[in-house]
Amino acid sequence: MKFEVVGKNGFNPTDAIKAYAEKRFDKVVSFFGPNVVEEIRVVCKVYKDHHKVEVNVFAGKTIVRAEVSDEDMYAAIDKANDKLVSQIRKHKDKLKNHLEKEGIKEAYSQEFDAEQLEKDILAAQLVKNKKIDLKPMTSEEAISAMELSGHDFYVFLDQATKKTNVVYRRDDGDYAIIETQPI
């Protein structure tokens, strides 16, 4: 497993911060298992009035993300860990409660097994450009990955049709899928 702590905005993380972060995120690794987590990336940023910590946990196709701010870097790391643990517990409980529904059991027959996925976002004013690796998955797996990422949409390659789709959370709390079609 690769564990990386980097600084931004002129901040260079000390060895003490790196060791503290690695120790704190051991609990997150224990939820997945040490052989499942491929990488944990912690980005520490310092601003005039607060510190921000962004954490990405890559466990196959499951990506769990947390972003928190606090006046103290150590407290921000603690809050990020708590947020990740909460997200993972919520996800596991949801799977456990809904595993018997038709189609869900097949989608999660191998718990937390899969590929890495990032987002490619283009807008009227390009702010950030990300590249993603699209590997086949079901819509249930995409919804689960979206929930774990903390975003309100998720780009994926539909396992049945082999087309790029987007799953998103509607304002009413339901989910919807945008299916792509060549012109």
N, C-alpha and C. Protein backbone atom coordinates (compact mmCIF):
# COMPACT_ATOMS: atom_id res chain seq x y z
N MET A 1 0.83 -1.18 0.00
CA MET A 1 0.00 0.00 0.00
C MET A 1 0.88 1.25 0.00
N LYS A 2 0.51 2.19 -0.84
CA LYS A 2 1.24 3.45 -0.92
C LYS A 2 0.53 4.47 -0.02
N PHE A 3 1.28 5.12 0.86
CA PHE A 3 0.75 6.17 1.72
C PHE A 3 1.53 7.43 1.44
N GLU A 4 0.81 8.48 1.05
CA GLU A 4 1.48 9.72 0.63
C GLU A 4 0.85 10.91 1.35
N VAL A 5 1.69 11.74 1.94
CA VAL A 5 1.25 12.99 2.55
C VAL A 5 1.99 14.11 1.84
N VAL A 6 1.23 15.01 1.21
CA VAL A 6 1.83 16.13 0.49
C VAL A 6 1.26 17.44 1.00
N GLY A 7 2.02 18.49 0.80
CA GLY A 7 1.59 19.82 1.20
C GLY A 7 1.36 20.71 0.00
N LYS A 8 0.46 21.67 0.18
CA LYS A 8 0.19 22.65 -0.87
C LYS A 8 0.14 24.04 -0.23
N ASN A 9 0.13 25.04 -1.07
CA ASN A 9 0.09 26.44 -0.62
C ASN A 9 1.31 26.78 0.23
N GLY A 10 2.46 26.25 -0.12
CA GLY A 10 3.69 26.56 0.60
C GLY A 10 3.89 25.76 1.87
N PHE A 11 3.05 24.79 2.14
CA PHE A 11 3.17 23.98 3.36
C PHE A 11 3.94 22.71 3.04
N ASN A 12 4.93 22.41 3.89
CA ASN A 12 5.72 21.19 3.76
C ASN A 12 5.46 20.34 5.00
N PRO A 13 4.73 19.23 4.88
CA PRO A 13 4.40 18.44 6.06
C PRO A 13 5.64 17.86 6.75
N THR A 14 5.66 17.96 8.06
CA THR A 14 6.78 17.42 8.84
C THR A 14 6.65 15.90 8.96
N ASP A 15 7.72 15.27 9.39
CA ASP A 15 7.69 13.83 9.62
C ASP A 15 6.67 13.47 10.69
N ALA A 16 6.50 14.36 11.69
CA ALA A 16 5.53 14.10 12.76
C ALA A 16 4.10 14.09 12.20
N ILE A 17 3.78 15.01 11.31
CA ILE A 17 2.45 15.05 10.70
C ILE A 17 2.24 13.82 9.82
N LYS A 18 3.26 13.44 9.07
CA LYS A 18 3.15 12.24 8.22
C LYS A 18 2.91 11.00 9.06
N ALA A 19 3.66 10.85 10.15
CA ALA A 19 3.50 9.69 11.02
C ALA A 19 2.12 9.68 11.69
N TYR A 20 1.67 10.87 12.11
CA TYR A 20 0.36 10.99 12.75
C TYR A 20 -0.75 10.60 11.78
N ALA A 21 -0.67 11.11 10.55
CA ALA A 21 -1.69 10.81 9.54
C ALA A 21 -1.71 9.32 9.23
N GLU A 22 -0.54 8.72 9.08
CA GLU A 22 -0.48 7.29 8.76
C GLU A 22 -1.09 6.45 9.88
N LYS A 23 -0.81 6.84 11.11
CA LYS A 23 -1.37 6.12 12.26
C LYS A 23 -2.88 6.28 12.32
N ARG A 24 -3.38 7.49 12.10
CA ARG A 24 -4.82 7.75 12.18
C ARG A 24 -5.60 7.00 11.10
N PHE A 25 -5.05 6.90 9.89
CA PHE A 25 -5.79 6.29 8.80
C PHE A 25 -5.65 4.77 8.76
N ASP A 26 -4.96 4.19 9.76
CA ASP A 26 -4.90 2.73 9.88
C ASP A 26 -6.30 2.15 10.08
N LYS A 27 -7.17 2.89 10.77
CA LYS A 27 -8.53 2.41 11.01
C LYS A 27 -9.30 2.27 9.70
N VAL A 28 -9.08 3.22 8.77
CA VAL A 28 -9.73 3.16 7.46
C VAL A 28 -9.25 1.92 6.71
N VAL A 29 -7.95 1.66 6.78
CA VAL A 29 -7.38 0.49 6.10
C VAL A 29 -7.98 -0.79 6.68
N SER A 30 -8.21 -0.81 7.99
CA SER A 30 -8.75 -2.02 8.63
C SER A 30 -10.17 -2.33 8.15
N PHE A 31 -10.94 -1.34 7.74
CA PHE A 31 -12.29 -1.58 7.23
C PHE A 31 -12.25 -2.35 5.91
N PHE A 32 -11.28 -2.04 5.07
CA PHE A 32 -11.17 -2.69 3.77
C PHE A 32 -10.30 -3.94 3.83
N GLY A 33 -9.29 -3.91 4.66
CA GLY A 33 -8.29 -4.96 4.69
C GLY A 33 -7.01 -4.43 4.06
N PRO A 34 -5.85 -4.81 4.57
CA PRO A 34 -4.58 -4.25 4.09
C PRO A 34 -4.26 -4.60 2.65
N ASN A 35 -4.80 -5.70 2.13
CA ASN A 35 -4.50 -6.10 0.76
C ASN A 35 -5.40 -5.41 -0.27
N VAL A 36 -6.47 -4.76 0.19
CA VAL A 36 -7.42 -4.13 -0.72
C VAL A 36 -7.05 -2.67 -1.00
N VAL A 37 -6.58 -1.96 0.02
CA VAL A 37 -6.25 -0.54 -0.14
C VAL A 37 -4.95 -0.42 -0.92
N GLU A 38 -5.02 0.25 -2.08
CA GLU A 38 -3.85 0.43 -2.93
C GLU A 38 -3.07 1.68 -2.56
N GLU A 39 -3.82 2.74 -2.22
CA GLU A 39 -3.16 4.02 -1.95
C GLU A 39 -4.02 4.89 -1.07
N ILE A 40 -3.37 5.63 -0.18
CA ILE A 40 -4.02 6.70 0.58
C ILE A 40 -3.22 7.95 0.30
N ARG A 41 -3.91 8.98 -0.17
CA ARG A 41 -3.24 10.24 -0.49
C ARG A 41 -3.84 11.35 0.38
N VAL A 42 -2.99 11.98 1.17
CA VAL A 42 -3.41 13.05 2.07
C VAL A 42 -2.78 14.34 1.57
N VAL A 43 -3.61 15.34 1.31
CA VAL A 43 -3.12 16.65 0.87
C VAL A 43 -3.42 17.65 1.99
N CYS A 44 -2.37 18.26 2.50
CA CYS A 44 -2.49 19.25 3.58
C CYS A 44 -2.28 20.65 3.00
N LYS A 45 -3.23 21.54 3.28
CA LYS A 45 -3.13 22.91 2.79
C LYS A 45 -3.24 23.87 3.96
N VAL A 46 -2.49 24.94 3.89
CA VAL A 46 -2.51 25.95 4.94
C VAL A 46 -3.01 27.27 4.35
N TYR A 47 -4.00 27.86 5.01
CA TYR A 47 -4.53 29.16 4.64
C TYR A 47 -4.32 30.11 5.82
N LYS A 48 -4.63 31.37 5.65
CA LYS A 48 -4.40 32.36 6.72
C LYS A 48 -5.14 32.01 8.00
N ASP A 49 -6.40 31.58 7.87
CA ASP A 49 -7.22 31.37 9.06
C ASP A 49 -7.57 29.91 9.35
N HIS A 50 -7.13 28.97 8.51
CA HIS A 50 -7.46 27.56 8.76
C HIS A 50 -6.53 26.63 7.98
N HIS A 51 -6.62 25.37 8.33
CA HIS A 51 -5.89 24.31 7.64
C HIS A 51 -6.92 23.40 6.99
N LYS A 52 -6.58 22.86 5.83
CA LYS A 52 -7.50 21.96 5.14
C LYS A 52 -6.77 20.66 4.85
N VAL A 53 -7.48 19.54 5.06
CA VAL A 53 -6.94 18.22 4.76
C VAL A 53 -7.90 17.52 3.79
N GLU A 54 -7.35 17.05 2.68
CA GLU A 54 -8.12 16.27 1.70
C GLU A 54 -7.51 14.87 1.67
N VAL A 55 -8.36 13.85 1.80
CA VAL A 55 -7.89 12.47 1.82
C VAL A 55 -8.63 11.67 0.76
N ASN A 56 -7.88 10.93 -0.04
CA ASN A 56 -8.45 10.01 -1.03
C ASN A 56 -7.92 8.62 -0.71
N VAL A 57 -8.85 7.67 -0.57
CA VAL A 57 -8.49 6.28 -0.32
C VAL A 57 -8.88 5.49 -1.56
N PHE A 58 -7.90 4.87 -2.20
CA PHE A 58 -8.13 4.09 -3.41
C PHE A 58 -8.07 2.62 -3.05
N ALA A 59 -9.21 1.95 -3.13
CA ALA A 59 -9.29 0.52 -2.82
C ALA A 59 -9.98 -0.16 -4.00
N GLY A 60 -9.20 -0.50 -5.01
CA GLY A 60 -9.79 -1.06 -6.22
C GLY A 60 -10.60 0.00 -6.92
N LYS A 61 -11.85 -0.34 -7.29
CA LYS A 61 -12.68 0.67 -7.94
C LYS A 61 -13.41 1.54 -6.92
N THR A 62 -13.23 1.24 -5.66
CA THR A 62 -13.84 2.04 -4.61
C THR A 62 -12.91 3.18 -4.24
N ILE A 63 -13.46 4.39 -4.30
CA ILE A 63 -12.70 5.58 -3.90
C ILE A 63 -13.51 6.27 -2.81
N VAL A 64 -12.87 6.44 -1.66
CA VAL A 64 -13.52 7.15 -0.56
C VAL A 64 -12.76 8.45 -0.38
N ARG A 65 -13.51 9.54 -0.23
CA ARG A 65 -12.88 10.87 -0.19
C ARG A 65 -13.46 11.68 0.95
N ALA A 66 -12.59 12.45 1.61
CA ALA A 66 -13.03 13.36 2.66
C ALA A 66 -12.22 14.65 2.55
N GLU A 67 -12.89 15.75 2.84
CA GLU A 67 -12.24 17.07 2.82
C GLU A 67 -12.76 17.85 4.02
N VAL A 68 -11.86 18.25 4.92
CA VAL A 68 -12.26 18.97 6.13
C VAL A 68 -11.29 20.11 6.42
N SER A 69 -11.79 21.08 7.18
CA SER A 69 -10.98 22.23 7.59
C SER A 69 -11.03 22.37 9.10
N ASP A 70 -9.95 22.91 9.66
CA ASP A 70 -9.89 23.21 11.08
C ASP A 70 -8.76 24.20 11.30
N GLU A 71 -8.73 24.80 12.48
CA GLU A 71 -7.66 25.74 12.81
C GLU A 71 -6.34 25.02 13.06
N ASP A 72 -6.40 23.73 13.41
CA ASP A 72 -5.23 22.93 13.73
C ASP A 72 -5.10 21.78 12.73
N MET A 73 -3.91 21.54 12.21
CA MET A 73 -3.70 20.49 11.22
C MET A 73 -4.00 19.10 11.79
N TYR A 74 -3.60 18.85 13.03
CA TYR A 74 -3.85 17.55 13.64
C TYR A 74 -5.35 17.32 13.82
N ALA A 75 -6.07 18.36 14.23
CA ALA A 75 -7.52 18.24 14.38
C ALA A 75 -8.19 18.00 13.03
N ALA A 76 -7.68 18.62 11.98
CA ALA A 76 -8.23 18.40 10.64
C ALA A 76 -8.00 16.96 10.20
N ILE A 77 -6.85 16.39 10.52
CA ILE A 77 -6.58 14.98 10.20
C ILE A 77 -7.55 14.08 10.95
N ASP A 78 -7.78 14.39 12.24
CA ASP A 78 -8.74 13.60 13.03
C ASP A 78 -10.14 13.68 12.43
N LYS A 79 -10.57 14.87 12.05
CA LYS A 79 -11.90 15.05 11.47
C LYS A 79 -12.03 14.30 10.14
N ALA A 80 -10.97 14.33 9.33
CA ALA A 80 -11.00 13.62 8.05
C ALA A 80 -11.12 12.11 8.29
N ASN A 81 -10.39 11.59 9.27
CA ASN A 81 -10.47 10.18 9.60
C ASN A 81 -11.89 9.82 10.05
N ASP A 82 -12.46 10.64 10.93
CA ASP A 82 -13.82 10.38 11.41
C ASP A 82 -14.83 10.40 10.27
N LYS A 83 -14.66 11.32 9.34
CA LYS A 83 -15.57 11.42 8.20
C LYS A 83 -15.45 10.19 7.30
N LEU A 84 -14.23 9.74 7.05
CA LEU A 84 -14.03 8.54 6.23
C LEU A 84 -14.65 7.31 6.90
N VAL A 85 -14.41 7.15 8.18
CA VAL A 85 -14.95 6.01 8.92
C VAL A 85 -16.48 6.03 8.86
N SER A 86 -17.06 7.20 9.04
CA SER A 86 -18.52 7.34 8.97
C SER A 86 -19.06 6.96 7.60
N GLN A 87 -18.40 7.43 6.54
CA GLN A 87 -18.83 7.11 5.18
C GLN A 87 -18.76 5.61 4.93
N ILE A 88 -17.68 4.99 5.35
CA ILE A 88 -17.50 3.55 5.11
C ILE A 88 -18.53 2.74 5.90
N ARG A 89 -18.75 3.11 7.16
CA ARG A 89 -19.75 2.41 7.97
C ARG A 89 -21.14 2.54 7.35
N LYS A 90 -21.49 3.75 6.93
CA LYS A 90 -22.79 3.98 6.31
C LYS A 90 -22.93 3.13 5.05
N HIS A 91 -21.89 3.08 4.26
CA HIS A 91 -21.92 2.30 3.02
C HIS A 91 -22.06 0.81 3.32
N LYS A 92 -21.29 0.31 4.27
CA LYS A 92 -21.36 -1.12 4.61
C LYS A 92 -22.74 -1.47 5.17
N ASP A 93 -23.30 -0.60 6.02
CA ASP A 93 -24.64 -0.85 6.57
C ASP A 93 -25.68 -0.86 5.45
N LYS A 94 -25.54 0.06 4.52
CA LYS A 94 -26.48 0.13 3.40
C LYS A 94 -26.40 -1.16 2.58
N LEU A 95 -25.18 -1.62 2.32
CA LEU A 95 -25.02 -2.87 1.58
C LEU A 95 -25.62 -4.05 2.34
N LYS A 96 -25.36 -4.09 3.62
CA LYS A 96 -25.86 -5.18 4.44
C LYS A 96 -27.38 -5.21 4.44
N ASN A 97 -28.01 -4.04 4.55
CA ASN A 97 -29.47 -3.96 4.61
C ASN A 97 -30.13 -4.23 3.27
N HIS A 98 -29.46 -3.91 2.19
CA HIS A 98 -30.08 -4.02 0.86
C HIS A 98 -29.51 -5.15 0.01
N LEU A 99 -28.67 -5.98 0.59
CA LEU A 99 -27.99 -7.01 -0.19
C LEU A 99 -28.95 -8.03 -0.77
N GLU A 100 -30.08 -8.22 -0.13
CA GLU A 100 -31.02 -9.23 -0.60
C GLU A 100 -31.92 -8.72 -1.73
N LYS A 101 -31.89 -7.42 -2.03
CA LYS A 101 -32.70 -6.90 -3.13
C LYS A 101 -32.18 -7.44 -4.45
N GLU A 102 -33.08 -7.60 -5.39
CA GLU A 102 -32.73 -8.18 -6.69
C GLU A 102 -31.67 -7.34 -7.40
N GLY A 103 -30.60 -7.98 -7.85
CA GLY A 103 -29.54 -7.32 -8.58
C GLY A 103 -28.42 -6.79 -7.71
N ILE A 104 -28.71 -6.46 -6.48
CA ILE A 104 -27.68 -5.89 -5.60
C ILE A 104 -26.68 -6.95 -5.17
N LYS A 105 -27.18 -8.14 -4.84
CA LYS A 105 -26.29 -9.19 -4.35
C LYS A 105 -25.23 -9.53 -5.40
N GLU A 106 -25.64 -9.60 -6.67
CA GLU A 106 -24.69 -9.91 -7.72
C GLU A 106 -23.67 -8.78 -7.89
N ALA A 107 -24.12 -7.55 -7.72
CA ALA A 107 -23.23 -6.40 -7.91
C ALA A 107 -22.14 -6.36 -6.84
N TYR A 108 -22.45 -6.85 -5.65
CA TYR A 108 -21.49 -6.79 -4.55
C TYR A 108 -21.09 -8.17 -4.06
N SER A 109 -21.03 -9.14 -4.95
CA SER A 109 -20.67 -10.48 -4.53
C SER A 109 -19.22 -10.53 -4.06
N GLN A 110 -18.38 -9.64 -4.58
CA GLN A 110 -17.00 -9.55 -4.11
C GLN A 110 -16.84 -8.17 -3.48
N GLU A 111 -16.90 -8.13 -2.15
CA GLU A 111 -16.92 -6.87 -1.43
C GLU A 111 -15.66 -6.03 -1.66
N PHE A 112 -15.86 -4.79 -2.04
CA PHE A 112 -14.81 -3.80 -2.25
C PHE A 112 -13.70 -4.29 -3.16
N ASP A 113 -14.07 -4.95 -4.27
CA ASP A 113 -13.10 -5.47 -5.22
C ASP A 113 -13.23 -4.65 -6.48
N ALA A 114 -12.18 -3.93 -6.95
CA ALA A 114 -12.36 -3.25 -8.22
C ALA A 114 -11.29 -2.26 -8.60
N GLU A 115 -11.61 -1.34 -9.56
CA GLU A 115 -10.62 -0.46 -10.17
C GLU A 115 -10.71 0.98 -9.69
N GLN A 116 -9.67 1.72 -9.98
CA GLN A 116 -9.59 3.13 -9.61
C GLN A 116 -10.36 3.97 -10.62
N LEU A 117 -11.05 5.02 -10.10
CA LEU A 117 -11.80 5.88 -11.02
C LEU A 117 -11.68 7.33 -10.58
N GLU A 118 -11.36 8.22 -11.51
CA GLU A 118 -11.33 9.64 -11.25
C GLU A 118 -12.32 10.31 -12.17
N LYS A 119 -12.47 11.64 -12.07
CA LYS A 119 -13.45 12.33 -12.90
C LYS A 119 -12.79 13.26 -13.90
N ASP A 120 -13.40 13.36 -15.08
CA ASP A 120 -12.94 14.25 -16.13
C ASP A 120 -13.99 15.34 -16.26
N ILE A 121 -13.69 16.55 -15.78
CA ILE A 121 -14.69 17.61 -15.72
C ILE A 121 -14.31 18.73 -16.68
N LEU A 122 -15.20 19.03 -17.59
CA LEU A 122 -15.03 20.17 -18.48
C LEU A 122 -16.22 21.08 -18.30
N ALA A 123 -15.98 22.36 -18.14
CA ALA A 123 -17.06 23.32 -17.95
C ALA A 123 -16.83 24.50 -18.88
N ALA A 124 -17.74 25.47 -18.81
CA ALA A 124 -17.60 26.65 -19.64
C ALA A 124 -16.24 27.31 -19.38
N GLN A 125 -15.87 27.39 -18.13
CA GLN A 125 -14.55 27.90 -17.77
C GLN A 125 -13.80 26.73 -17.13
N LEU A 126 -12.82 26.21 -17.82
CA LEU A 126 -12.10 25.04 -17.35
C LEU A 126 -11.31 25.39 -16.10
N VAL A 127 -11.65 24.74 -15.01
CA VAL A 127 -10.99 24.98 -13.74
C VAL A 127 -10.02 23.86 -13.40
N LYS A 128 -10.41 22.64 -13.75
CA LYS A 128 -9.59 21.49 -13.44
C LYS A 128 -9.85 20.43 -14.50
N ASN A 129 -8.83 19.71 -14.86
CA ASN A 129 -8.96 18.67 -15.87
C ASN A 129 -8.46 17.36 -15.27
N LYS A 130 -9.32 16.37 -15.18
CA LYS A 130 -8.93 15.06 -14.65
C LYS A 130 -9.17 14.02 -15.71
N LYS A 131 -8.36 12.99 -15.69
CA LYS A 131 -8.54 11.87 -16.60
C LYS A 131 -9.02 10.67 -15.78
N ILE A 132 -9.88 9.87 -16.39
CA ILE A 132 -10.41 8.71 -15.68
C ILE A 132 -10.19 7.45 -16.50
N ASP A 133 -10.05 6.34 -15.82
CA ASP A 133 -9.99 5.04 -16.45
C ASP A 133 -11.38 4.43 -16.32
N LEU A 134 -11.99 4.15 -17.46
CA LEU A 134 -13.33 3.57 -17.45
C LEU A 134 -13.25 2.06 -17.60
N LYS A 135 -13.71 1.36 -16.58
CA LYS A 135 -13.80 -0.09 -16.64
C LYS A 135 -15.26 -0.45 -16.40
N PRO A 136 -15.71 -1.54 -16.97
CA PRO A 136 -17.13 -1.90 -16.86
C PRO A 136 -17.59 -2.08 -15.42
N MET A 137 -18.80 -1.56 -15.13
CA MET A 137 -19.45 -1.76 -13.84
C MET A 137 -20.95 -1.63 -14.01
N THR A 138 -21.69 -2.13 -13.05
CA THR A 138 -23.14 -2.01 -13.08
C THR A 138 -23.56 -0.66 -12.51
N SER A 139 -24.81 -0.29 -12.72
CA SER A 139 -25.29 0.98 -12.20
C SER A 139 -25.30 0.97 -10.68
N GLU A 140 -25.54 -0.19 -10.05
CA GLU A 140 -25.52 -0.28 -8.59
C GLU A 140 -24.11 -0.02 -8.06
N GLU A 141 -23.11 -0.57 -8.75
CA GLU A 141 -21.72 -0.33 -8.34
C GLU A 141 -21.36 1.14 -8.51
N ALA A 142 -21.85 1.77 -9.57
CA ALA A 142 -21.57 3.19 -9.81
C ALA A 142 -22.21 4.06 -8.74
N ILE A 143 -23.43 3.74 -8.34
CA ILE A 143 -24.11 4.50 -7.28
C ILE A 143 -23.32 4.38 -5.98
N SER A 144 -22.88 3.18 -5.68
CA SER A 144 -22.09 2.95 -4.48
C SER A 144 -20.78 3.73 -4.53
N ALA A 145 -20.09 3.71 -5.66
CA ALA A 145 -18.83 4.45 -5.82
C ALA A 145 -19.07 5.95 -5.69
N MET A 146 -20.19 6.45 -6.23
CA MET A 146 -20.52 7.87 -6.12
C MET A 146 -20.73 8.24 -4.65
N GLU A 147 -21.46 7.42 -3.91
CA GLU A 147 -21.70 7.69 -2.49
C GLU A 147 -20.40 7.76 -1.71
N LEU A 148 -19.49 6.83 -2.00
CA LEU A 148 -18.22 6.80 -1.29
C LEU A 148 -17.31 7.97 -1.65
N SER A 149 -17.45 8.46 -2.89
CA SER A 149 -16.58 9.57 -3.30
C SER A 149 -17.03 10.90 -2.71
N GLY A 150 -18.28 10.98 -2.26
CA GLY A 150 -18.78 12.22 -1.70
C GLY A 150 -19.25 13.21 -2.75
N HIS A 151 -19.25 12.82 -3.99
CA HIS A 151 -19.71 13.70 -5.07
C HIS A 151 -21.17 13.39 -5.39
N ASP A 152 -21.82 14.27 -6.18
CA ASP A 152 -23.21 14.04 -6.52
C ASP A 152 -23.38 13.48 -7.93
N PHE A 153 -22.29 13.06 -8.57
CA PHE A 153 -22.37 12.38 -9.85
C PHE A 153 -21.17 11.45 -9.99
N TYR A 154 -21.27 10.52 -10.96
CA TYR A 154 -20.18 9.56 -11.15
C TYR A 154 -20.20 9.09 -12.61
N VAL A 155 -19.05 9.10 -13.26
CA VAL A 155 -18.92 8.67 -14.65
C VAL A 155 -18.45 7.22 -14.64
N PHE A 156 -19.12 6.36 -15.45
CA PHE A 156 -18.73 4.95 -15.48
C PHE A 156 -19.04 4.33 -16.84
N LEU A 157 -18.44 3.17 -17.08
CA LEU A 157 -18.68 2.41 -18.31
C LEU A 157 -19.68 1.30 -17.97
N ASP A 158 -20.86 1.35 -18.60
CA ASP A 158 -21.90 0.38 -18.32
C ASP A 158 -21.45 -1.02 -18.74
N GLN A 159 -21.57 -1.95 -17.82
CA GLN A 159 -21.09 -3.31 -18.05
C GLN A 159 -21.87 -4.00 -19.17
N ALA A 160 -23.16 -3.76 -19.27
CA ALA A 160 -23.99 -4.45 -20.26
C ALA A 160 -23.85 -3.84 -21.66
N THR A 161 -23.90 -2.49 -21.75
CA THR A 161 -23.92 -1.82 -23.06
C THR A 161 -22.55 -1.37 -23.52
N LYS A 162 -21.56 -1.34 -22.62
CA LYS A 162 -20.19 -0.86 -22.92
C LYS A 162 -20.18 0.61 -23.35
N LYS A 163 -21.16 1.37 -22.87
CA LYS A 163 -21.23 2.80 -23.17
C LYS A 163 -20.92 3.60 -21.90
N THR A 164 -20.37 4.79 -22.09
CA THR A 164 -20.08 5.68 -20.97
C THR A 164 -21.38 6.28 -20.46
N ASN A 165 -21.62 6.18 -19.16
CA ASN A 165 -22.82 6.73 -18.53
C ASN A 165 -22.43 7.59 -17.34
N VAL A 166 -23.40 8.38 -16.89
CA VAL A 166 -23.22 9.21 -15.70
C VAL A 166 -24.39 8.94 -14.76
N VAL A 167 -24.09 8.58 -13.53
CA VAL A 167 -25.13 8.44 -12.52
C VAL A 167 -25.06 9.69 -11.65
N TYR A 168 -26.24 10.21 -11.24
CA TYR A 168 -26.24 11.40 -10.40
C TYR A 168 -27.40 11.35 -9.41
N ARG A 169 -27.25 12.13 -8.33
CA ARG A 169 -28.29 12.22 -7.31
C ARG A 169 -29.16 13.43 -7.62
N ARG A 170 -30.45 13.18 -7.73
CA ARG A 170 -31.41 14.25 -8.03
C ARG A 170 -31.69 15.06 -6.77
N ASP A 171 -32.30 16.22 -6.93
CA ASP A 171 -32.65 17.07 -5.80
C ASP A 171 -33.62 16.39 -4.84
N ASP A 172 -34.46 15.48 -5.36
CA ASP A 172 -35.42 14.78 -4.50
C ASP A 172 -34.80 13.58 -3.78
N GLY A 173 -33.49 13.34 -3.98
CA GLY A 173 -32.79 12.27 -3.29
C GLY A 173 -32.71 10.97 -4.07
N ASP A 174 -33.46 10.86 -5.17
CA ASP A 174 -33.41 9.67 -6.01
C ASP A 174 -32.18 9.73 -6.91
N TYR A 175 -31.91 8.62 -7.60
CA TYR A 175 -30.78 8.55 -8.51
C TYR A 175 -31.28 8.50 -9.95
N ALA A 176 -30.46 9.01 -10.87
CA ALA A 176 -30.78 8.96 -12.29
C ALA A 176 -29.50 8.68 -13.06
N ILE A 177 -29.67 8.16 -14.28
CA ILE A 177 -28.52 7.84 -15.12
C ILE A 177 -28.66 8.56 -16.46
N ILE A 178 -27.59 9.17 -16.89
CA ILE A 178 -27.52 9.76 -18.23
C ILE A 178 -26.75 8.76 -19.08
N GLU A 179 -27.42 8.25 -20.12
CA GLU A 179 -26.79 7.29 -21.02
C GLU A 179 -26.28 8.02 -22.26
N THR A 180 -25.06 7.71 -22.66
CA THR A 180 -24.49 8.35 -23.85
C THR A 180 -24.82 7.55 -25.09
N GLN A 181 -24.85 8.26 -26.20
CA GLN A 181 -25.15 7.61 -27.47
C GLN A 181 -24.39 8.34 -28.57
N PRO A 182 -23.66 7.61 -29.42
CA PRO A 182 -22.90 8.28 -30.48
C PRO A 182 -23.84 8.95 -31.50
N ILE A 183 -23.36 10.02 -32.10
CA ILE A 183 -24.16 10.75 -33.10
C ILE A 183 -24.01 10.11 -34.44
